Amino acid sequence: MASIPTGEEIIAAARGHLGAPYVYGAAGPSSFDCSGLVQYVLDDELHVKGVPRTSESQWAWSDLKTVTRGDLQPGDLIFSDWPGDGASPGHVAFYSGGGKLIEAPRTGVPVHEIPLDAAYESHVKGYRRLAGVGSTGDTSGGTSSTTGALLGGLAGIGQEFANASKFVGLLLMPATWLRVAAFLVGGGAVGAGLWMLLQEAGSD
């Protein structure tokens, strides 16, 4: 690669084409299909050389590395399969940060920025990042599994400690012991009453 753009530079360039018409087989400068938009932004505008033309060849491109959903950052590529696609993956889009993506979607729908929601994710095949693009500090893609597990574990421990402290505090309160004593006395009185009734019944 001649140069390595930042994630912010990739998305700034992609946003410059919002509203451009979708045309199958087009790779800019005024109309695009999905992989044509990716190639034009990376190659023609940001001078990343060797960007393949189709989504399936971009998926296999050696200059991209695999990332997880939780590690997504602006500038990453989202590959997906949709009904009617002739190859796999049949579609590619830019992750733009904040839980959104930029894509050239299909005939009749121009380049747009939309949420990466559950419905869209159900079609996702995987995520790729241009090698050498560092972290941009965007964490909206999701929390990594390791970090999430650690935070969840700490939260659970904290909650258990809080519950234990509350229980100990209740045990140390005089009112708690008064309630326990009242319960025992009341229970004893009820038991004595039942015993007396049984004795009287047995004497008939």
N, C-alpha and C. Protein backbone atom coordinates (compact mmCIF):
# COMPACT_ATOMS: atom_id res chain seq x y z
N MET A 1 0.83 -1.20 0.00
CA MET A 1 0.00 0.00 0.00
C MET A 1 0.87 1.25 0.00
N ALA A 2 0.48 2.24 -0.79
CA ALA A 2 1.26 3.47 -0.87
C ALA A 2 1.12 4.28 0.41
N SER A 3 -0.03 4.26 1.03
CA SER A 3 -0.26 5.02 2.25
C SER A 3 -1.35 4.35 3.05
N ILE A 4 -1.40 4.69 4.33
CA ILE A 4 -2.40 4.12 5.21
C ILE A 4 -3.23 5.24 5.81
N PRO A 5 -4.46 5.40 5.37
CA PRO A 5 -5.31 6.47 5.93
C PRO A 5 -5.81 6.08 7.31
N THR A 6 -6.25 7.06 8.05
CA THR A 6 -6.89 6.78 9.33
C THR A 6 -8.36 6.41 9.10
N GLY A 7 -8.96 5.84 10.13
CA GLY A 7 -10.38 5.52 10.02
C GLY A 7 -11.22 6.75 9.79
N GLU A 8 -10.86 7.86 10.43
CA GLU A 8 -11.61 9.10 10.25
C GLU A 8 -11.51 9.61 8.82
N GLU A 9 -10.33 9.47 8.22
CA GLU A 9 -10.16 9.91 6.83
C GLU A 9 -11.00 9.05 5.88
N ILE A 10 -11.06 7.76 6.15
CA ILE A 10 -11.85 6.86 5.31
C ILE A 10 -13.32 7.27 5.35
N ILE A 11 -13.83 7.51 6.56
CA ILE A 11 -15.26 7.83 6.69
C ILE A 11 -15.56 9.23 6.17
N ALA A 12 -14.65 10.16 6.35
CA ALA A 12 -14.86 11.52 5.80
C ALA A 12 -14.99 11.44 4.28
N ALA A 13 -14.14 10.62 3.65
CA ALA A 13 -14.21 10.48 2.20
C ALA A 13 -15.50 9.78 1.78
N ALA A 14 -15.89 8.74 2.52
CA ALA A 14 -17.13 8.02 2.18
C ALA A 14 -18.34 8.93 2.33
N ARG A 15 -18.36 9.75 3.37
CA ARG A 15 -19.51 10.66 3.59
C ARG A 15 -19.62 11.69 2.47
N GLY A 16 -18.52 11.96 1.79
CA GLY A 16 -18.56 12.89 0.68
C GLY A 16 -19.39 12.40 -0.49
N HIS A 17 -19.77 11.11 -0.45
CA HIS A 17 -20.55 10.55 -1.55
C HIS A 17 -21.98 10.21 -1.14
N LEU A 18 -22.39 10.63 0.05
CA LEU A 18 -23.77 10.41 0.46
C LEU A 18 -24.72 11.07 -0.54
N GLY A 19 -25.72 10.32 -0.96
CA GLY A 19 -26.67 10.84 -1.94
C GLY A 19 -26.34 10.47 -3.37
N ALA A 20 -25.12 9.95 -3.61
CA ALA A 20 -24.77 9.55 -4.98
C ALA A 20 -25.61 8.34 -5.39
N PRO A 21 -26.03 8.26 -6.64
CA PRO A 21 -26.89 7.17 -7.07
C PRO A 21 -26.17 5.82 -7.11
N TYR A 22 -26.93 4.77 -6.86
CA TYR A 22 -26.42 3.42 -7.01
C TYR A 22 -26.57 3.00 -8.47
N VAL A 23 -25.47 2.53 -9.05
CA VAL A 23 -25.50 1.97 -10.40
C VAL A 23 -24.66 0.70 -10.37
N TYR A 24 -25.27 -0.41 -10.70
CA TYR A 24 -24.54 -1.68 -10.69
C TYR A 24 -23.33 -1.62 -11.62
N GLY A 25 -22.17 -1.98 -11.11
CA GLY A 25 -20.94 -1.97 -11.90
C GLY A 25 -20.21 -0.65 -11.89
N ALA A 26 -20.77 0.37 -11.25
CA ALA A 26 -20.14 1.69 -11.25
C ALA A 26 -19.14 1.83 -10.10
N ALA A 27 -18.02 2.47 -10.39
CA ALA A 27 -16.98 2.68 -9.38
C ALA A 27 -16.55 4.13 -9.36
N GLY A 28 -17.52 5.06 -9.41
CA GLY A 28 -17.24 6.47 -9.29
C GLY A 28 -16.96 7.13 -10.63
N PRO A 29 -16.79 8.42 -10.62
CA PRO A 29 -16.80 9.28 -9.42
C PRO A 29 -18.18 9.78 -8.98
N SER A 30 -19.19 9.60 -9.83
CA SER A 30 -20.50 10.17 -9.50
C SER A 30 -21.56 9.14 -9.17
N SER A 31 -21.30 7.85 -9.41
CA SER A 31 -22.24 6.78 -9.07
C SER A 31 -21.44 5.54 -8.70
N PHE A 32 -22.09 4.66 -7.92
CA PHE A 32 -21.35 3.55 -7.34
C PHE A 32 -22.24 2.32 -7.15
N ASP A 33 -21.60 1.14 -7.15
CA ASP A 33 -22.21 0.00 -6.49
C ASP A 33 -21.44 -0.18 -5.19
N CYS A 34 -21.75 -1.21 -4.40
CA CYS A 34 -21.19 -1.29 -3.04
C CYS A 34 -19.66 -1.38 -3.03
N SER A 35 -19.12 -2.31 -3.82
CA SER A 35 -17.67 -2.48 -3.84
C SER A 35 -16.99 -1.37 -4.63
N GLY A 36 -17.71 -0.78 -5.57
CA GLY A 36 -17.16 0.35 -6.31
C GLY A 36 -16.93 1.54 -5.41
N LEU A 37 -17.83 1.75 -4.44
CA LEU A 37 -17.66 2.84 -3.47
C LEU A 37 -16.42 2.60 -2.61
N VAL A 38 -16.25 1.36 -2.16
CA VAL A 38 -15.09 1.02 -1.33
C VAL A 38 -13.80 1.22 -2.13
N GLN A 39 -13.77 0.73 -3.35
CA GLN A 39 -12.56 0.87 -4.16
C GLN A 39 -12.26 2.33 -4.45
N TYR A 40 -13.28 3.09 -4.80
CA TYR A 40 -13.06 4.50 -5.15
C TYR A 40 -12.55 5.29 -3.96
N VAL A 41 -13.17 5.11 -2.80
CA VAL A 41 -12.77 5.85 -1.61
C VAL A 41 -11.33 5.50 -1.21
N LEU A 42 -11.02 4.21 -1.17
CA LEU A 42 -9.69 3.80 -0.71
C LEU A 42 -8.61 4.04 -1.76
N ASP A 43 -8.88 3.68 -3.00
CA ASP A 43 -7.86 3.75 -4.04
C ASP A 43 -7.76 5.15 -4.65
N ASP A 44 -8.86 5.61 -5.25
CA ASP A 44 -8.81 6.88 -5.99
C ASP A 44 -8.64 8.10 -5.09
N GLU A 45 -9.30 8.07 -3.93
CA GLU A 45 -9.25 9.27 -3.07
C GLU A 45 -8.17 9.21 -2.00
N LEU A 46 -7.94 8.04 -1.42
CA LEU A 46 -6.98 7.94 -0.32
C LEU A 46 -5.69 7.24 -0.74
N HIS A 47 -5.61 6.85 -2.00
CA HIS A 47 -4.37 6.34 -2.59
C HIS A 47 -3.86 5.05 -1.95
N VAL A 48 -4.80 4.21 -1.53
CA VAL A 48 -4.45 2.86 -1.09
C VAL A 48 -4.47 1.99 -2.34
N LYS A 49 -3.32 1.53 -2.76
CA LYS A 49 -3.22 0.84 -4.03
C LYS A 49 -3.52 -0.66 -3.90
N GLY A 50 -4.04 -1.19 -5.00
CA GLY A 50 -4.29 -2.63 -5.05
C GLY A 50 -5.63 -3.06 -4.51
N VAL A 51 -6.56 -2.11 -4.32
CA VAL A 51 -7.88 -2.45 -3.78
C VAL A 51 -8.65 -3.25 -4.83
N PRO A 52 -9.07 -4.47 -4.53
CA PRO A 52 -9.82 -5.27 -5.52
C PRO A 52 -11.15 -4.61 -5.87
N ARG A 53 -11.75 -5.06 -6.96
CA ARG A 53 -12.96 -4.41 -7.47
C ARG A 53 -14.25 -4.94 -6.88
N THR A 54 -14.36 -6.25 -6.63
CA THR A 54 -15.63 -6.83 -6.19
C THR A 54 -15.63 -7.12 -4.70
N SER A 55 -16.83 -7.27 -4.14
CA SER A 55 -16.94 -7.54 -2.71
C SER A 55 -16.30 -8.87 -2.33
N GLU A 56 -16.44 -9.89 -3.18
CA GLU A 56 -15.85 -11.19 -2.84
C GLU A 56 -14.32 -11.15 -2.91
N SER A 57 -13.77 -10.37 -3.85
CA SER A 57 -12.31 -10.26 -3.91
C SER A 57 -11.79 -9.33 -2.81
N GLN A 58 -12.57 -8.35 -2.43
CA GLN A 58 -12.18 -7.51 -1.29
C GLN A 58 -12.17 -8.32 0.00
N TRP A 59 -13.14 -9.20 0.16
CA TRP A 59 -13.20 -10.09 1.33
C TRP A 59 -11.92 -10.91 1.46
N ALA A 60 -11.38 -11.35 0.34
CA ALA A 60 -10.18 -12.20 0.35
C ALA A 60 -8.88 -11.40 0.26
N TRP A 61 -8.97 -10.08 0.16
CA TRP A 61 -7.79 -9.24 -0.02
C TRP A 61 -6.83 -9.37 1.16
N SER A 62 -5.58 -9.61 0.86
CA SER A 62 -4.58 -9.87 1.91
C SER A 62 -4.25 -8.63 2.74
N ASP A 63 -4.58 -7.44 2.25
CA ASP A 63 -4.30 -6.21 3.01
C ASP A 63 -5.37 -5.91 4.06
N LEU A 64 -6.36 -6.78 4.16
CA LEU A 64 -7.38 -6.64 5.20
C LEU A 64 -7.18 -7.72 6.26
N LYS A 65 -7.45 -7.35 7.51
CA LYS A 65 -7.39 -8.34 8.59
C LYS A 65 -8.76 -8.46 9.23
N THR A 66 -9.03 -9.63 9.78
CA THR A 66 -10.32 -9.89 10.40
C THR A 66 -10.42 -9.21 11.76
N VAL A 67 -11.57 -8.59 12.04
CA VAL A 67 -11.86 -8.03 13.36
C VAL A 67 -13.22 -8.56 13.80
N THR A 68 -13.51 -8.41 15.09
CA THR A 68 -14.79 -8.86 15.62
C THR A 68 -15.79 -7.72 15.67
N ARG A 69 -17.04 -8.08 15.88
CA ARG A 69 -18.09 -7.07 16.02
C ARG A 69 -17.77 -6.11 17.16
N GLY A 70 -17.26 -6.64 18.25
CA GLY A 70 -16.97 -5.80 19.40
C GLY A 70 -15.79 -4.88 19.21
N ASP A 71 -14.94 -5.16 18.21
CA ASP A 71 -13.75 -4.35 17.97
C ASP A 71 -13.91 -3.36 16.82
N LEU A 72 -15.11 -3.25 16.27
CA LEU A 72 -15.31 -2.36 15.12
C LEU A 72 -14.92 -0.92 15.43
N GLN A 73 -14.31 -0.28 14.46
CA GLN A 73 -13.99 1.14 14.56
C GLN A 73 -14.23 1.78 13.19
N PRO A 74 -14.41 3.10 13.15
CA PRO A 74 -14.68 3.76 11.87
C PRO A 74 -13.63 3.42 10.82
N GLY A 75 -14.12 3.16 9.62
CA GLY A 75 -13.23 2.79 8.52
C GLY A 75 -13.18 1.31 8.25
N ASP A 76 -13.64 0.49 9.19
CA ASP A 76 -13.69 -0.96 8.98
C ASP A 76 -14.73 -1.30 7.92
N LEU A 77 -14.57 -2.47 7.31
CA LEU A 77 -15.49 -2.92 6.28
C LEU A 77 -16.41 -4.01 6.82
N ILE A 78 -17.68 -3.93 6.46
CA ILE A 78 -18.69 -4.90 6.88
C ILE A 78 -19.13 -5.68 5.64
N PHE A 79 -18.90 -6.98 5.64
CA PHE A 79 -19.28 -7.82 4.50
C PHE A 79 -20.53 -8.61 4.86
N SER A 80 -21.45 -8.72 3.91
CA SER A 80 -22.72 -9.39 4.18
C SER A 80 -23.24 -10.10 2.95
N ASP A 81 -24.19 -10.98 3.17
CA ASP A 81 -24.87 -11.71 2.11
C ASP A 81 -26.36 -11.41 2.17
N TRP A 82 -26.96 -11.16 0.99
CA TRP A 82 -28.38 -10.81 0.91
C TRP A 82 -29.04 -11.66 -0.17
N PRO A 83 -30.35 -11.85 -0.07
CA PRO A 83 -31.05 -12.63 -1.10
C PRO A 83 -30.81 -12.06 -2.49
N GLY A 84 -30.48 -12.93 -3.43
CA GLY A 84 -30.24 -12.50 -4.79
C GLY A 84 -28.79 -12.24 -5.12
N ASP A 85 -27.90 -12.22 -4.10
CA ASP A 85 -26.48 -12.02 -4.37
C ASP A 85 -25.93 -13.18 -5.19
N GLY A 86 -25.12 -12.86 -6.19
CA GLY A 86 -24.58 -13.89 -7.04
C GLY A 86 -23.30 -14.50 -6.53
N ALA A 87 -22.67 -13.86 -5.56
CA ALA A 87 -21.42 -14.36 -4.99
C ALA A 87 -21.43 -14.08 -3.50
N SER A 88 -20.48 -14.67 -2.78
CA SER A 88 -20.44 -14.47 -1.33
C SER A 88 -19.05 -14.00 -0.90
N PRO A 89 -18.99 -12.93 -0.11
CA PRO A 89 -20.10 -12.06 0.27
C PRO A 89 -20.50 -11.13 -0.87
N GLY A 90 -21.78 -10.92 -0.99
CA GLY A 90 -22.29 -10.14 -2.10
C GLY A 90 -22.38 -8.65 -1.85
N HIS A 91 -22.05 -8.23 -0.61
CA HIS A 91 -22.20 -6.81 -0.29
C HIS A 91 -21.12 -6.38 0.68
N VAL A 92 -20.72 -5.11 0.58
CA VAL A 92 -19.71 -4.54 1.47
C VAL A 92 -20.10 -3.11 1.81
N ALA A 93 -19.80 -2.70 3.04
CA ALA A 93 -20.12 -1.35 3.51
C ALA A 93 -19.02 -0.88 4.44
N PHE A 94 -18.98 0.42 4.68
CA PHE A 94 -18.05 1.00 5.65
C PHE A 94 -18.74 1.11 7.01
N TYR A 95 -18.07 0.71 8.09
CA TYR A 95 -18.56 1.04 9.43
C TYR A 95 -18.14 2.47 9.70
N SER A 96 -19.11 3.33 10.03
CA SER A 96 -18.82 4.76 10.17
C SER A 96 -18.74 5.21 11.62
N GLY A 97 -18.94 4.29 12.58
CA GLY A 97 -18.88 4.66 13.99
C GLY A 97 -20.26 4.96 14.54
N GLY A 98 -20.40 4.93 15.84
CA GLY A 98 -21.68 5.24 16.46
C GLY A 98 -22.77 4.24 16.13
N GLY A 99 -22.37 3.01 15.80
CA GLY A 99 -23.36 1.99 15.46
C GLY A 99 -24.00 2.19 14.10
N LYS A 100 -23.29 2.85 13.17
CA LYS A 100 -23.85 3.12 11.84
C LYS A 100 -22.90 2.64 10.75
N LEU A 101 -23.41 2.60 9.52
CA LEU A 101 -22.60 2.20 8.37
C LEU A 101 -22.96 3.06 7.17
N ILE A 102 -22.02 3.13 6.23
CA ILE A 102 -22.23 3.83 4.97
C ILE A 102 -22.13 2.80 3.85
N GLU A 103 -23.10 2.81 2.95
CA GLU A 103 -23.13 1.83 1.87
C GLU A 103 -23.77 2.40 0.62
N ALA A 104 -23.42 1.76 -0.50
CA ALA A 104 -24.16 1.94 -1.74
C ALA A 104 -25.05 0.71 -1.83
N PRO A 105 -26.32 0.83 -1.48
CA PRO A 105 -27.14 -0.36 -1.20
C PRO A 105 -27.66 -1.14 -2.40
N ARG A 106 -28.45 -0.50 -3.23
CA ARG A 106 -29.10 -1.22 -4.35
C ARG A 106 -29.74 -0.20 -5.29
N THR A 107 -30.17 -0.71 -6.42
CA THR A 107 -30.80 0.15 -7.42
C THR A 107 -32.00 0.90 -6.83
N GLY A 108 -32.03 2.20 -7.05
CA GLY A 108 -33.13 3.02 -6.57
C GLY A 108 -32.87 3.64 -5.21
N VAL A 109 -31.82 3.20 -4.52
CA VAL A 109 -31.48 3.76 -3.19
C VAL A 109 -30.07 4.31 -3.26
N PRO A 110 -29.88 5.62 -3.03
CA PRO A 110 -28.55 6.21 -3.15
C PRO A 110 -27.65 5.84 -1.96
N VAL A 111 -26.40 6.22 -2.08
CA VAL A 111 -25.45 6.01 -0.98
C VAL A 111 -26.01 6.68 0.27
N HIS A 112 -26.07 5.91 1.36
CA HIS A 112 -26.66 6.46 2.59
C HIS A 112 -25.92 5.95 3.81
N GLU A 113 -26.25 6.55 4.95
CA GLU A 113 -25.70 6.14 6.25
C GLU A 113 -26.87 5.67 7.11
N ILE A 114 -26.81 4.44 7.58
CA ILE A 114 -27.92 3.84 8.31
C ILE A 114 -27.40 3.11 9.54
N PRO A 115 -28.29 2.77 10.49
CA PRO A 115 -27.85 2.02 11.67
C PRO A 115 -27.43 0.60 11.32
N LEU A 116 -26.41 0.12 12.00
CA LEU A 116 -26.03 -1.29 11.93
C LEU A 116 -26.86 -2.00 12.99
N ASP A 117 -28.11 -2.30 12.65
CA ASP A 117 -29.04 -2.87 13.63
C ASP A 117 -29.07 -4.40 13.53
N ALA A 118 -29.91 -5.00 14.37
CA ALA A 118 -29.97 -6.46 14.44
C ALA A 118 -30.40 -7.08 13.11
N ALA A 119 -31.33 -6.41 12.41
CA ALA A 119 -31.80 -6.94 11.13
C ALA A 119 -30.67 -6.97 10.11
N TYR A 120 -29.86 -5.91 10.09
CA TYR A 120 -28.73 -5.87 9.15
C TYR A 120 -27.68 -6.91 9.57
N GLU A 121 -27.41 -6.97 10.86
CA GLU A 121 -26.38 -7.89 11.35
C GLU A 121 -26.71 -9.35 11.08
N SER A 122 -27.98 -9.66 10.93
CA SER A 122 -28.35 -11.05 10.66
C SER A 122 -27.84 -11.51 9.29
N HIS A 123 -27.44 -10.55 8.44
CA HIS A 123 -26.90 -10.89 7.12
C HIS A 123 -25.38 -10.80 7.06
N VAL A 124 -24.74 -10.33 8.13
CA VAL A 124 -23.30 -10.06 8.10
C VAL A 124 -22.51 -11.37 8.07
N LYS A 125 -21.52 -11.41 7.19
CA LYS A 125 -20.61 -12.55 7.10
C LYS A 125 -19.36 -12.33 7.94
N GLY A 126 -18.90 -11.09 8.01
CA GLY A 126 -17.71 -10.80 8.80
C GLY A 126 -17.27 -9.36 8.65
N TYR A 127 -16.21 -9.02 9.39
CA TYR A 127 -15.70 -7.65 9.44
C TYR A 127 -14.21 -7.66 9.13
N ARG A 128 -13.76 -6.66 8.40
CA ARG A 128 -12.35 -6.57 8.01
C ARG A 128 -11.85 -5.14 8.25
N ARG A 129 -10.53 -5.05 8.51
CA ARG A 129 -9.88 -3.74 8.70
C ARG A 129 -8.64 -3.65 7.85
N LEU A 130 -8.44 -2.49 7.26
CA LEU A 130 -7.25 -2.24 6.47
C LEU A 130 -6.02 -2.35 7.38
N ALA A 131 -5.08 -3.18 7.01
CA ALA A 131 -3.88 -3.39 7.83
C ALA A 131 -3.15 -2.07 8.05
N GLY A 132 -2.78 -1.83 9.29
CA GLY A 132 -2.06 -0.62 9.63
C GLY A 132 -2.91 0.49 10.17
N VAL A 133 -4.24 0.38 10.02
CA VAL A 133 -5.14 1.40 10.56
C VAL A 133 -5.26 1.15 12.06
N GLY A 134 -4.83 2.12 12.87
CA GLY A 134 -4.85 1.95 14.31
C GLY A 134 -6.20 2.28 14.90
N SER A 135 -6.28 2.10 16.24
CA SER A 135 -7.52 2.39 16.95
C SER A 135 -7.82 3.87 16.91
N THR A 136 -9.09 4.19 16.68
CA THR A 136 -9.51 5.59 16.63
C THR A 136 -10.15 6.04 17.93
N GLY A 137 -10.25 5.13 18.88
CA GLY A 137 -10.88 5.47 20.14
C GLY A 137 -12.38 5.30 20.13
N ASP A 138 -12.96 4.92 18.99
CA ASP A 138 -14.41 4.70 18.92
C ASP A 138 -14.73 3.36 19.56
N THR A 139 -15.59 3.36 20.58
CA THR A 139 -15.94 2.12 21.27
C THR A 139 -17.39 1.76 21.06
N SER A 140 -18.07 2.46 20.14
CA SER A 140 -19.49 2.24 19.97
C SER A 140 -19.80 0.96 19.21
N GLY A 141 -18.78 0.37 18.58
CA GLY A 141 -19.03 -0.87 17.88
C GLY A 141 -19.43 -1.97 18.81
N GLY A 142 -19.02 -1.89 20.05
CA GLY A 142 -19.34 -2.91 21.03
C GLY A 142 -18.14 -3.15 21.91
N THR A 143 -18.33 -3.81 23.05
CA THR A 143 -17.25 -4.13 23.96
C THR A 143 -16.70 -5.49 23.60
N SER A 144 -15.37 -5.62 23.58
CA SER A 144 -14.79 -6.91 23.27
C SER A 144 -15.22 -7.93 24.29
N SER A 145 -15.19 -9.21 23.90
CA SER A 145 -15.68 -10.27 24.79
C SER A 145 -14.87 -10.35 26.07
N THR A 146 -13.53 -10.16 25.96
CA THR A 146 -12.70 -10.23 27.16
C THR A 146 -13.01 -9.09 28.11
N THR A 147 -13.07 -7.88 27.55
CA THR A 147 -13.38 -6.72 28.39
C THR A 147 -14.76 -6.83 28.99
N GLY A 148 -15.72 -7.27 28.18
CA GLY A 148 -17.08 -7.41 28.66
C GLY A 148 -17.19 -8.40 29.79
N ALA A 149 -16.47 -9.53 29.64
CA ALA A 149 -16.50 -10.54 30.69
C ALA A 149 -15.89 -10.02 31.99
N LEU A 150 -14.77 -9.26 31.84
CA LEU A 150 -14.12 -8.71 33.02
C LEU A 150 -15.01 -7.72 33.74
N LEU A 151 -15.62 -6.81 32.96
CA LEU A 151 -16.50 -5.82 33.58
C LEU A 151 -17.71 -6.48 34.22
N GLY A 152 -18.25 -7.50 33.53
CA GLY A 152 -19.39 -8.20 34.09
C GLY A 152 -19.05 -8.91 35.38
N GLY A 153 -17.85 -9.51 35.42
CA GLY A 153 -17.43 -10.20 36.63
C GLY A 153 -17.24 -9.25 37.79
N LEU A 154 -16.62 -8.09 37.52
CA LEU A 154 -16.42 -7.10 38.57
C LEU A 154 -17.74 -6.56 39.09
N ALA A 155 -18.68 -6.36 38.16
CA ALA A 155 -19.99 -5.87 38.57
C ALA A 155 -20.69 -6.89 39.45
N GLY A 156 -20.57 -8.16 39.09
CA GLY A 156 -21.20 -9.22 39.89
C GLY A 156 -20.61 -9.31 41.28
N ILE A 157 -19.27 -9.23 41.37
CA ILE A 157 -18.61 -9.27 42.67
C ILE A 157 -19.05 -8.09 43.52
N GLY A 158 -19.09 -6.92 42.89
CA GLY A 158 -19.51 -5.73 43.63
C GLY A 158 -20.93 -5.86 44.16
N GLN A 159 -21.82 -6.43 43.35
CA GLN A 159 -23.20 -6.58 43.79
C GLN A 159 -23.31 -7.56 44.94
N GLU A 160 -22.54 -8.68 44.84
CA GLU A 160 -22.56 -9.66 45.93
C GLU A 160 -22.02 -9.06 47.22
N PHE A 161 -20.96 -8.26 47.11
CA PHE A 161 -20.40 -7.62 48.30
C PHE A 161 -21.41 -6.66 48.92
N ALA A 162 -22.09 -5.91 48.05
CA ALA A 162 -23.09 -4.97 48.54
C ALA A 162 -24.22 -5.70 49.24
N ASN A 163 -24.66 -6.82 48.66
CA ASN A 163 -25.73 -7.59 49.28
C ASN A 163 -25.29 -8.16 50.63
N ALA A 164 -24.04 -8.66 50.70
CA ALA A 164 -23.54 -9.21 51.96
C ALA A 164 -23.43 -8.13 53.03
N SER A 165 -22.94 -6.95 52.63
CA SER A 165 -22.81 -5.83 53.57
C SER A 165 -24.18 -5.42 54.11
N LYS A 166 -25.16 -5.40 53.22
CA LYS A 166 -26.52 -5.03 53.64
C LYS A 166 -27.06 -6.04 54.64
N PHE A 167 -26.79 -7.34 54.39
CA PHE A 167 -27.27 -8.38 55.29
C PHE A 167 -26.63 -8.26 56.67
N VAL A 168 -25.31 -8.01 56.68
CA VAL A 168 -24.61 -7.85 57.97
C VAL A 168 -25.15 -6.64 58.71
N GLY A 169 -25.40 -5.56 57.95
CA GLY A 169 -25.93 -4.36 58.57
C GLY A 169 -27.28 -4.60 59.21
N LEU A 170 -28.11 -5.39 58.56
CA LEU A 170 -29.43 -5.70 59.12
C LEU A 170 -29.30 -6.53 60.40
N LEU A 171 -28.33 -7.44 60.41
CA LEU A 171 -28.14 -8.27 61.60
C LEU A 171 -27.70 -7.44 62.81
N LEU A 172 -26.97 -6.35 62.55
CA LEU A 172 -26.46 -5.52 63.64
C LEU A 172 -27.48 -4.51 64.15
N MET A 173 -28.61 -4.38 63.49
CA MET A 173 -29.61 -3.41 63.93
C MET A 173 -30.46 -4.00 65.08
N PRO A 174 -30.62 -3.24 66.19
CA PRO A 174 -31.45 -3.72 67.31
C PRO A 174 -32.87 -4.05 66.89
N ALA A 175 -33.41 -3.28 65.97
CA ALA A 175 -34.79 -3.52 65.54
C ALA A 175 -34.94 -4.91 64.93
N THR A 176 -33.87 -5.37 64.27
CA THR A 176 -33.93 -6.72 63.67
C THR A 176 -34.10 -7.77 64.75
N TRP A 177 -33.33 -7.65 65.84
CA TRP A 177 -33.41 -8.66 66.92
C TRP A 177 -34.73 -8.57 67.67
N LEU A 178 -35.28 -7.34 67.78
CA LEU A 178 -36.60 -7.21 68.41
C LEU A 178 -37.66 -7.95 67.60
N ARG A 179 -37.55 -7.85 66.28
CA ARG A 179 -38.50 -8.56 65.43
C ARG A 179 -38.34 -10.07 65.56
N VAL A 180 -37.06 -10.51 65.62
CA VAL A 180 -36.81 -11.95 65.78
C VAL A 180 -37.39 -12.44 67.11
N ALA A 181 -37.17 -11.66 68.20
CA ALA A 181 -37.67 -12.05 69.51
C ALA A 181 -39.19 -12.10 69.52
N ALA A 182 -39.81 -11.10 68.91
CA ALA A 182 -41.27 -11.07 68.86
C ALA A 182 -41.81 -12.27 68.09
N PHE A 183 -41.10 -12.65 67.02
CA PHE A 183 -41.52 -13.80 66.25
C PHE A 183 -41.42 -15.08 67.08
N LEU A 184 -40.32 -15.21 67.82
CA LEU A 184 -40.13 -16.41 68.63
C LEU A 184 -41.16 -16.50 69.74
N VAL A 185 -41.42 -15.33 70.39
CA VAL A 185 -42.42 -15.32 71.48
C VAL A 185 -43.80 -15.64 70.92
N GLY A 186 -44.12 -14.99 69.79
CA GLY A 186 -45.42 -15.25 69.18
C GLY A 186 -45.55 -16.70 68.76
N GLY A 187 -44.49 -17.24 68.16
CA GLY A 187 -44.53 -18.63 67.74
C GLY A 187 -44.68 -19.57 68.92
N GLY A 188 -43.99 -19.22 70.02
CA GLY A 188 -44.10 -20.05 71.21
C GLY A 188 -45.50 -20.02 71.80
N ALA A 189 -46.13 -18.82 71.80
CA ALA A 189 -47.49 -18.70 72.34
C ALA A 189 -48.47 -19.50 71.50
N VAL A 190 -48.32 -19.45 70.20
CA VAL A 190 -49.21 -20.22 69.32
C VAL A 190 -49.02 -21.71 69.56
N GLY A 191 -47.75 -22.12 69.72
CA GLY A 191 -47.49 -23.53 69.96
C GLY A 191 -48.08 -24.00 71.29
N ALA A 192 -47.96 -23.16 72.32
CA ALA A 192 -48.51 -23.52 73.63
C ALA A 192 -50.03 -23.62 73.57
N GLY A 193 -50.65 -22.69 72.82
CA GLY A 193 -52.10 -22.73 72.69
C GLY A 193 -52.57 -23.99 71.99
N LEU A 194 -51.89 -24.38 70.95
CA LEU A 194 -52.25 -25.60 70.24
C LEU A 194 -52.08 -26.82 71.12
N TRP A 195 -51.03 -26.83 71.93
CA TRP A 195 -50.77 -27.97 72.83
C TRP A 195 -51.88 -28.09 73.86
N MET A 196 -52.34 -26.95 74.41
CA MET A 196 -53.41 -26.97 75.39
C MET A 196 -54.71 -27.46 74.76
N LEU A 197 -55.00 -27.05 73.53
CA LEU A 197 -56.20 -27.50 72.88
C LEU A 197 -56.17 -29.00 72.64
N LEU A 198 -55.04 -29.49 72.28
CA LEU A 198 -54.90 -30.94 72.06
C LEU A 198 -55.08 -31.71 73.35
N GLN A 199 -54.58 -31.15 74.46
CA GLN A 199 -54.72 -31.81 75.77
C GLN A 199 -56.18 -31.87 76.16
N GLU A 200 -56.90 -30.75 75.95
CA GLU A 200 -58.31 -30.73 76.31
C GLU A 200 -59.11 -31.71 75.45
N ALA A 201 -58.77 -31.76 74.17
CA ALA A 201 -59.46 -32.70 73.29
C ALA A 201 -59.23 -34.14 73.72
N GLY A 202 -58.04 -34.41 74.18
CA GLY A 202 -57.73 -35.77 74.60
C GLY A 202 -58.36 -36.16 75.90
N SER A 203 -58.79 -35.20 76.71
CA SER A 203 -59.38 -35.51 78.03
C SER A 203 -60.85 -35.81 77.95
N ASP A 204 -61.52 -35.54 76.76
CA ASP A 204 -62.97 -35.81 76.63
C ASP A 204 -63.26 -37.30 76.56
